[in-house]
Amino acid sequence: MEIIIRKLYQEDFEQWLALWDGYNEFYGRWGDKMLDPMISRTTWNRFFDVYEPVHAIVAEGNGRLIGLSHYLYHRSTITVEPSCYLQDLFVSQEFRGNGVARKLIESVYSLAKTNGCSRVYWQTQETNHTAMQLYDKLAERSGFLVYRKLL
């Protein structure tokens, strides 16, 4: 199967939404913890707003979307160049283990470099051992833990 990594198009909404729902279900944002549909719609619209720093690419295989990556550019206090935060990465269950996630991450690397970024970083749950096997091959662990407070 040929895997094509490409930008997201407006006509991809339904297929993107199915992947997005799968991603959110994977991280427990489902059922009574489901994201408000307004959040998904706002996220979608940001991808097509030239004034937003939020971007999306997708993996296509066998004529349908099989993976997604959302990333954003931002300033940093420790570099002059912008940084790229790879916020979301998801591959449909039936296509995992075929190099799709690697291709998505490497595409984000390339896009970030082209756009002047000095680094790409992301986070994952500490229990996501399967994905971490790949991540350990593509990047280094920073050693930082994430703290947050919902407001």
Protein backbone atom coordinates (compact mmCIF):
# COMPACT_ATOMS: atom_id res chain seq x y z
CA MET A 1 0.00 0.00 0.00
CA GLU A 2 1.31 3.41 -0.96
CA ILE A 3 1.08 5.96 1.85
CA ILE A 4 0.71 9.58 0.80
CA ILE A 5 1.27 12.38 3.31
CA ARG A 6 -0.51 15.55 2.28
CA LYS A 7 -2.13 18.69 3.60
CA LEU A 8 -5.71 18.59 4.75
CA TYR A 9 -8.46 19.75 2.37
CA GLN A 10 -11.94 21.08 3.12
CA GLU A 11 -13.51 18.03 1.46
CA ASP A 12 -11.73 15.77 4.00
CA PHE A 13 -13.99 16.79 6.87
CA GLU A 14 -15.96 13.55 7.32
CA GLN A 15 -12.89 11.32 7.11
CA TRP A 16 -10.88 13.68 9.32
CA LEU A 17 -13.69 13.72 11.89
CA ALA A 18 -13.72 9.91 12.04
CA LEU A 19 -9.96 9.91 12.73
CA TRP A 20 -10.29 12.78 15.22
CA ASP A 21 -13.04 10.90 17.06
CA GLY A 22 -10.81 7.80 17.14
CA TYR A 23 -7.94 9.84 18.55
CA ASN A 24 -10.13 11.33 21.24
CA GLU A 25 -11.56 7.93 22.11
CA PHE A 26 -8.00 6.55 22.43
CA TYR A 27 -7.25 9.25 25.02
CA GLY A 28 -10.47 8.72 26.95
CA ARG A 29 -12.31 11.77 25.64
CA TRP A 30 -15.41 9.76 24.81
CA GLY A 31 -18.84 9.08 26.26
CA ASP A 32 -19.55 11.49 29.10
CA LYS A 33 -16.05 12.98 28.65
CA MET A 34 -16.55 13.60 24.92
CA LEU A 35 -15.31 16.86 23.47
CA ASP A 36 -17.97 19.41 22.77
CA PRO A 37 -18.65 19.31 18.99
CA MET A 38 -17.96 23.05 18.95
CA ILE A 39 -14.32 22.30 19.89
CA SER A 40 -13.96 19.90 16.98
CA ARG A 41 -15.54 22.39 14.57
CA THR A 42 -13.34 25.23 15.87
CA THR A 43 -10.24 23.05 15.54
CA TRP A 44 -11.23 22.16 11.97
CA ASN A 45 -11.77 25.82 11.05
CA ARG A 46 -8.39 26.83 12.48
CA PHE A 47 -6.62 24.59 9.98
CA PHE A 48 -7.93 26.77 7.15
CA ASP A 49 -7.44 30.20 8.78
CA VAL A 50 -4.22 31.76 7.49
CA TYR A 51 -3.91 33.79 10.72
CA GLU A 52 -3.88 30.69 12.93
CA PRO A 53 -0.60 28.90 13.78
CA VAL A 54 -2.42 25.52 13.84
CA HIS A 55 -1.86 23.12 10.94
CA ALA A 56 -2.81 19.61 9.86
CA ILE A 57 -1.50 16.93 7.58
CA VAL A 58 -3.01 13.56 6.86
CA ALA A 59 -1.90 10.16 5.69
CA GLU A 60 -3.83 8.66 2.80
CA GLY A 61 -3.76 4.99 1.86
CA ASN A 62 -6.00 2.94 -0.38
CA GLY A 63 -7.88 6.10 -1.32
CA ARG A 64 -8.90 7.09 2.21
CA LEU A 65 -7.49 8.92 5.21
CA ILE A 66 -5.72 6.59 7.62
CA GLY A 67 -3.83 8.99 9.89
CA LEU A 68 -3.52 12.60 10.99
CA SER A 69 -1.11 14.98 12.60
CA HIS A 70 -1.90 18.40 14.02
CA TYR A 71 0.92 20.75 14.86
CA LEU A 72 1.43 24.39 15.70
CA TYR A 73 4.21 26.93 15.59
CA HIS A 74 4.98 29.18 18.53
CA ARG A 75 7.64 31.49 19.91
CA SER A 76 9.98 30.43 22.65
CA THR A 77 11.99 32.19 25.34
CA ILE A 78 15.03 29.99 24.67
CA THR A 79 15.38 30.29 20.89
CA VAL A 80 15.08 33.02 18.31
CA GLU A 81 13.46 30.66 15.83
CA PRO A 82 9.93 29.37 16.40
CA SER A 83 9.28 25.92 17.83
CA CYS A 84 6.87 23.33 16.49
CA TYR A 85 4.60 21.46 18.87
CA LEU A 86 3.27 18.23 17.39
CA GLN A 87 0.02 18.21 19.32
CA ASP A 88 -1.91 15.28 17.88
CA LEU A 89 -0.84 12.13 16.07
CA PHE A 90 -3.19 9.29 15.24
CA VAL A 91 -3.24 6.31 12.89
CA SER A 92 -6.27 4.07 12.36
CA GLN A 93 -5.91 0.81 14.25
CA GLU A 94 -5.83 -1.38 11.14
CA PHE A 95 -2.90 0.58 9.65
CA ARG A 96 -0.63 0.75 12.69
CA GLY A 97 2.76 -0.86 12.35
CA ASN A 98 3.06 0.07 8.66
CA GLY A 99 5.22 3.18 9.04
CA VAL A 100 2.36 5.67 8.85
CA ALA A 101 3.15 7.42 12.15
CA ARG A 102 6.83 7.63 11.23
CA LYS A 103 5.95 9.25 7.90
CA LEU A 104 3.64 11.75 9.59
CA ILE A 105 6.29 12.71 12.18
CA GLU A 106 9.02 13.01 9.55
CA SER A 107 6.71 15.18 7.44
CA VAL A 108 6.14 17.48 10.42
CA TYR A 109 9.94 17.65 10.85
CA SER A 110 10.33 18.69 7.22
CA LEU A 111 7.54 21.27 7.35
CA ALA A 112 8.86 22.74 10.60
CA LYS A 113 12.36 23.05 9.17
CA THR A 114 11.03 24.68 6.01
CA ASN A 115 9.15 27.18 8.19
CA GLY A 116 12.25 28.12 10.18
CA CYS A 117 11.65 26.13 13.35
CA SER A 118 14.62 25.02 15.41
CA ARG A 119 12.87 22.08 17.08
CA VAL A 120 9.84 19.82 17.08
CA TYR A 121 8.54 18.36 20.31
CA TRP A 122 5.53 16.46 21.59
CA GLN A 123 4.20 14.61 24.60
CA THR A 124 2.50 11.29 25.08
CA GLN A 125 0.96 9.41 27.95
CA GLU A 126 3.50 7.45 29.95
CA THR A 127 1.46 4.28 29.31
CA ASN A 128 1.64 4.63 25.51
CA HIS A 129 4.52 2.12 25.30
CA THR A 130 3.91 1.01 21.71
CA ALA A 131 4.15 4.56 20.38
CA MET A 132 7.12 5.31 22.60
CA GLN A 133 9.10 2.56 20.88
CA LEU A 134 8.84 4.59 17.69
CA TYR A 135 9.33 7.95 19.39
CA ASP A 136 12.56 6.76 21.01
CA LYS A 137 13.92 6.11 17.50
CA LEU A 138 12.90 9.51 16.12
CA ALA A 139 13.63 11.92 18.97
CA GLU A 140 15.12 12.16 22.42
CA ARG A 141 13.18 12.23 25.66
CA SER A 142 13.47 15.64 27.25
CA GLY A 143 13.14 14.42 30.82
CA PHE A 144 10.45 16.98 31.57
CA LEU A 145 7.10 16.10 33.10
CA VAL A 146 3.93 17.98 32.21
CA TYR A 147 1.93 19.72 34.92
CA ARG A 148 -1.39 21.34 34.24
CA LYS A 149 -4.28 23.03 35.96
CA LEU A 150 -7.61 23.22 34.20
CA LEU A 151 -9.27 26.60 34.61
